Amino acid sequence: MNSNRVVVITGAAGGVGSVLVERFLANGDAVIAADASEDVLAAWRERWDADARLFTIAGDISTDEDVARLAEFTRTSTGRVDVLINAAGFFPFARVEDMSAAQWRRIIDVNLTGTFLVTQALLPLMKEQGSGRIINYGSGSVFDGTAGQAHYVAAKAGVVGFSRSLAREIGGYGITVNVITPGLTVTKAVRDSFPESILQAQRDARALKRDETPEDLVGPTFFLASEDSAFITGQTLNVDGGAYMY
């Protein structure tokens, strides 16, 4: 496995993001961990204070100003980006008939516009070095059109389209762009907010009859971040235990 890379992860304090941060640090990489809450990041970071390879920055990835701060922070602290993982996401429930325009825009902003803004801001660093890996987190909900999440599903479908077009635009710079689509991943937040009946239905729908955990996403992410995936771009890697097969 490659090491000594600079890895930028959004949504880094979340259930999936924090596991990714830990594994990349354990691999010998420097990690710039970005998340929305300064308090959450500070509390989460305490156990890593002795690790000089971890950098944290709080901000809202859906705003130009905070994304510009992230890009400048990255440039001044490490000077390069080898891997960008856009893992930030927000998936509340709201039926289309009950959804306000503000709710729609917020979910699109966080899940799709944020991916665009962060990628656009950090892309110059990758182009300067003539290489890079961009891994965007989509969602398995784009395959079944989850009811009550039309805004989220639309945003994640947009991430797939964005990633395909971007892969064609920047392939000449040696940069790959791929998407991971997880199934419903049982983080603490999901465990606390989803009824057991939904979790059981997810297990029943899979070829592998168990919960999906954040750790299930580490290996696929590591692969797409590695030199082993150097000739793979514009692709969607579905990681859902065999709920959907292609």
Protein backbone atom coordinates (compact mmCIF):
# COMPACT_ATOMS: atom_id res chain seq x y z
CA MET A 1 0.00 0.00 0.00
CA ASN A 2 1.20 3.49 -0.85
CA SER A 3 2.10 5.68 2.13
CA ASN A 4 3.40 9.20 2.81
CA ARG A 5 0.55 10.68 0.81
CA VAL A 6 -1.57 13.72 1.65
CA VAL A 7 -5.22 12.69 1.96
CA VAL A 8 -8.05 15.22 2.30
CA ILE A 9 -11.28 13.81 3.75
CA THR A 10 -14.55 15.74 4.10
CA GLY A 11 -17.13 14.54 6.60
CA ALA A 12 -14.10 13.35 8.55
CA ALA A 13 -15.71 13.30 12.00
CA GLY A 14 -18.63 11.15 10.89
CA GLY A 15 -19.03 7.42 11.32
CA VAL A 16 -17.46 6.56 7.97
CA GLY A 17 -15.08 9.51 7.75
CA SER A 18 -13.47 8.91 11.13
CA VAL A 19 -12.70 5.28 10.26
CA LEU A 20 -11.11 6.41 7.00
CA VAL A 21 -9.00 8.99 8.86
CA GLU A 22 -7.74 6.37 11.30
CA ARG A 23 -6.81 3.89 8.58
CA PHE A 24 -4.97 6.41 6.39
CA LEU A 25 -3.02 7.66 9.42
CA ALA A 26 -2.16 4.08 10.35
CA ASN A 27 -0.92 3.62 6.79
CA GLY A 28 1.60 6.44 7.23
CA ASP A 29 -0.28 9.13 5.31
CA ALA A 30 -0.86 12.74 6.32
CA VAL A 31 -4.57 13.51 6.63
CA ILE A 32 -6.40 16.80 6.41
CA ALA A 33 -9.72 16.12 8.15
CA ALA A 34 -12.53 18.55 7.35
CA ASP A 35 -15.95 18.59 8.99
CA ALA A 36 -18.72 21.06 9.74
CA SER A 37 -18.39 21.33 13.52
CA GLU A 38 -15.34 22.77 15.25
CA ASP A 39 -16.51 21.27 18.57
CA VAL A 40 -17.01 17.78 17.14
CA LEU A 41 -13.66 17.87 15.37
CA ALA A 42 -11.85 19.09 18.48
CA ALA A 43 -13.39 16.43 20.71
CA TRP A 44 -12.79 13.69 18.15
CA ARG A 45 -9.17 14.78 17.59
CA GLU A 46 -8.03 14.52 21.22
CA ARG A 47 -6.83 10.94 20.87
CA TRP A 48 -4.66 11.94 17.88
CA ASP A 49 -2.92 14.97 19.42
CA ALA A 50 0.45 13.26 19.32
CA ASP A 51 0.18 12.60 15.58
CA ALA A 52 1.71 15.49 13.64
CA ARG A 53 0.36 14.04 10.40
CA LEU A 54 -3.24 14.91 11.26
CA PHE A 55 -4.57 18.37 10.39
CA THR A 56 -8.14 19.44 11.13
CA ILE A 57 -10.26 22.28 9.79
CA ALA A 58 -13.93 23.08 10.36
CA GLY A 59 -16.21 24.61 7.78
CA ASP A 60 -19.31 24.32 5.64
CA ILE A 61 -18.36 22.69 2.33
CA SER A 62 -21.42 24.19 0.66
CA THR A 63 -20.04 27.75 0.99
CA ASP A 64 -17.42 29.33 -1.23
CA GLU A 65 -15.71 31.04 1.70
CA ASP A 66 -15.18 27.93 3.83
CA VAL A 67 -14.03 25.87 0.87
CA ALA A 68 -11.53 28.59 -0.05
CA ARG A 69 -10.21 28.40 3.53
CA LEU A 70 -9.86 24.63 3.20
CA ALA A 71 -7.88 24.99 -0.03
CA GLU A 72 -5.57 27.64 1.45
CA PHE A 73 -5.12 25.58 4.63
CA THR A 74 -4.16 22.57 2.51
CA ARG A 75 -1.70 24.57 0.43
CA THR A 76 0.03 26.12 3.44
CA SER A 77 0.08 22.99 5.65
CA THR A 78 1.08 20.32 3.16
CA GLY A 79 1.48 21.96 -0.25
CA ARG A 80 -0.11 19.08 -2.13
CA VAL A 81 -3.05 16.67 -2.33
CA ASP A 82 -2.61 13.08 -3.44
CA VAL A 83 -6.06 11.79 -2.52
CA LEU A 84 -9.34 13.66 -2.10
CA ILE A 85 -12.24 11.79 -0.51
CA ASN A 86 -15.55 13.65 -0.61
CA ALA A 87 -17.35 11.69 2.09
CA ALA A 88 -19.50 14.44 3.66
CA GLY A 89 -23.20 13.75 3.44
CA PHE A 90 -26.56 14.58 4.99
CA PHE A 91 -29.65 12.44 4.42
CA PRO A 92 -32.83 13.50 6.26
CA PHE A 93 -36.25 12.22 5.25
CA ALA A 94 -38.93 14.41 3.65
CA ARG A 95 -41.60 13.48 1.15
CA VAL A 96 -41.69 15.53 -2.05
CA GLU A 97 -45.19 16.83 -1.27
CA ASP A 98 -44.02 18.12 2.11
CA MET A 99 -40.55 19.31 1.15
CA SER A 100 -39.75 23.02 1.17
CA ALA A 101 -37.53 24.61 -1.44
CA ALA A 102 -35.09 25.44 1.36
CA GLN A 103 -34.89 21.77 2.38
CA TRP A 104 -34.27 20.74 -1.25
CA ARG A 105 -31.53 23.34 -1.73
CA ARG A 106 -29.77 22.46 1.53
CA ILE A 107 -29.48 18.77 0.67
CA ILE A 108 -28.34 19.52 -2.88
CA ASP A 109 -25.83 22.05 -1.53
CA VAL A 110 -24.25 19.70 1.01
CA ASN A 111 -24.26 16.50 -1.04
CA LEU A 112 -23.63 17.75 -4.58
CA THR A 113 -22.52 21.38 -4.61
CA GLY A 114 -20.09 20.71 -1.75
CA THR A 115 -18.46 17.91 -3.72
CA PHE A 116 -18.08 20.24 -6.70
CA LEU A 117 -16.70 23.15 -4.67
CA VAL A 118 -14.12 21.11 -2.74
CA THR A 119 -12.98 19.31 -5.87
CA GLN A 120 -12.68 22.50 -7.87
CA ALA A 121 -10.73 24.23 -5.09
CA LEU A 122 -8.19 21.42 -4.62
CA LEU A 123 -7.85 20.41 -8.25
CA PRO A 124 -5.04 22.92 -9.01
CA LEU A 125 -2.79 21.18 -6.46
CA MET A 126 -3.33 17.83 -8.15
CA LYS A 127 -2.78 19.29 -11.61
CA GLU A 128 0.49 20.87 -10.47
CA GLN A 129 1.87 17.48 -9.47
CA GLY A 130 0.39 15.64 -12.46
CA SER A 131 -1.38 12.94 -10.46
CA GLY A 132 -4.15 12.34 -7.96
CA ARG A 133 -7.10 10.26 -6.85
CA ILE A 134 -10.57 11.71 -6.33
CA ILE A 135 -13.06 9.43 -4.60
CA ASN A 136 -16.61 10.72 -4.30
CA TYR A 137 -19.12 9.06 -2.01
CA GLY A 138 -22.46 8.45 -3.66
CA SER A 139 -25.25 6.29 -2.30
CA GLY A 140 -26.89 2.97 -3.10
CA SER A 141 -30.19 4.85 -2.86
CA VAL A 142 -29.71 5.95 -6.48
CA PHE A 143 -30.40 2.35 -7.56
CA ASP A 144 -33.75 1.93 -5.83
CA GLY A 145 -34.97 5.53 -5.52
CA THR A 146 -35.55 5.54 -1.77
CA ALA A 147 -38.93 7.02 -0.90
CA GLY A 148 -38.80 10.10 1.28
CA GLN A 149 -35.33 11.07 0.12
CA ALA A 150 -35.83 12.48 -3.37
CA HIS A 151 -33.55 15.45 -2.63
CA TYR A 152 -30.75 13.21 -1.34
CA VAL A 153 -31.12 10.64 -4.14
CA ALA A 154 -31.09 13.43 -6.75
CA ALA A 155 -27.94 14.88 -5.22
CA LYS A 156 -26.13 11.54 -5.13
CA ALA A 157 -27.16 10.74 -8.70
CA GLY A 158 -25.67 14.12 -9.58
CA VAL A 159 -22.42 13.07 -7.91
CA VAL A 160 -22.21 10.10 -10.29
CA GLY A 161 -22.77 12.29 -13.35
CA PHE A 162 -20.36 14.94 -12.11
CA SER A 163 -17.68 12.32 -11.49
CA ARG A 164 -17.99 10.83 -14.97
CA SER A 165 -17.68 14.19 -16.71
CA LEU A 166 -14.82 15.27 -14.47
CA ALA A 167 -12.95 12.01 -15.17
CA ARG A 168 -12.95 12.86 -18.88
CA GLU A 169 -11.88 16.45 -18.26
CA ILE A 170 -8.84 15.71 -16.08
CA GLY A 171 -7.67 12.26 -17.13
CA GLY A 172 -4.90 13.87 -19.15
CA TYR A 173 -3.34 15.11 -15.91
CA GLY A 174 -3.03 11.60 -14.49
CA ILE A 175 -5.94 12.15 -12.09
CA THR A 176 -8.63 9.50 -11.61
CA VAL A 177 -12.19 10.13 -10.44
CA ASN A 178 -14.39 7.36 -9.10
CA VAL A 179 -17.52 6.91 -6.99
CA ILE A 180 -18.27 4.55 -4.11
CA THR A 181 -21.95 3.83 -3.50
CA PRO A 182 -22.50 2.36 -0.02
CA GLY A 183 -25.65 0.69 1.12
CA LEU A 184 -27.20 1.86 4.38
CA THR A 185 -24.15 1.90 6.65
CA VAL A 186 -24.78 1.34 10.35
CA THR A 187 -22.94 4.16 12.04
CA LYS A 188 -23.85 5.25 15.56
CA ALA A 189 -26.12 7.94 14.11
CA VAL A 190 -27.96 5.39 11.98
CA ARG A 191 -28.23 2.92 14.86
CA ASP A 192 -29.70 5.66 17.06
CA SER A 193 -32.19 7.01 14.51
CA PHE A 194 -33.33 4.09 12.32
CA PRO A 195 -35.83 1.51 13.57
CA GLU A 196 -34.63 -2.08 13.72
CA SER A 197 -37.24 -3.05 11.12
CA ILE A 198 -35.45 -0.96 8.49
CA LEU A 199 -32.05 -2.39 9.41
CA GLN A 200 -33.48 -5.91 9.20
CA ALA A 201 -35.00 -5.18 5.79
CA GLN A 202 -31.57 -4.05 4.60
CA ARG A 203 -29.98 -7.27 5.84
CA ASP A 204 -32.67 -9.37 4.19
CA ALA A 205 -32.14 -7.66 0.82
CA ARG A 206 -28.42 -8.46 0.70
CA ALA A 207 -26.61 -11.54 -0.49
CA LEU A 208 -24.46 -11.10 2.63
CA LYS A 209 -26.98 -11.16 5.47
CA ARG A 210 -25.53 -8.67 7.91
CA ASP A 211 -25.28 -4.96 8.65
CA GLU A 212 -22.95 -2.85 6.55
CA THR A 213 -20.38 -1.13 8.78
CA PRO A 214 -18.00 1.78 8.15
CA GLU A 215 -15.11 -0.69 8.11
CA ASP A 216 -16.63 -2.33 5.02
CA LEU A 217 -15.88 0.84 3.08
CA VAL A 218 -12.21 1.14 4.03
CA GLY A 219 -10.84 -1.50 1.66
CA PRO A 220 -12.67 -0.22 -1.44
CA THR A 221 -11.59 3.34 -0.63
CA PHE A 222 -7.97 2.27 -0.11
CA PHE A 223 -8.02 0.45 -3.44
CA LEU A 224 -9.31 3.46 -5.37
CA ALA A 225 -6.72 5.64 -3.59
CA SER A 226 -3.86 3.34 -4.56
CA GLU A 227 -1.61 2.85 -7.57
CA ASP A 228 -3.38 -0.48 -8.11
CA SER A 229 -6.36 1.49 -9.46
CA ALA A 230 -4.29 3.72 -11.76
CA PHE A 231 -6.20 2.69 -14.91
CA ILE A 232 -9.69 2.89 -13.38
CA THR A 233 -11.60 6.15 -13.73
CA GLY A 234 -15.17 7.34 -14.20
CA GLN A 235 -16.48 4.21 -12.49
CA THR A 236 -18.97 3.47 -9.73
CA LEU A 237 -17.98 0.83 -7.18
CA ASN A 238 -21.09 -0.44 -5.43
CA VAL A 239 -20.40 -1.65 -1.88
CA ASP A 240 -23.65 -2.94 -0.40
CA GLY A 241 -23.21 -6.61 0.40
CA GLY A 242 -24.93 -7.69 -2.81
CA ALA A 243 -28.24 -5.87 -2.54
CA TYR A 244 -27.80 -4.65 -6.11
CA MET A 245 -25.70 -6.52 -8.67
CA TYR A 246 -24.38 -5.32 -12.04
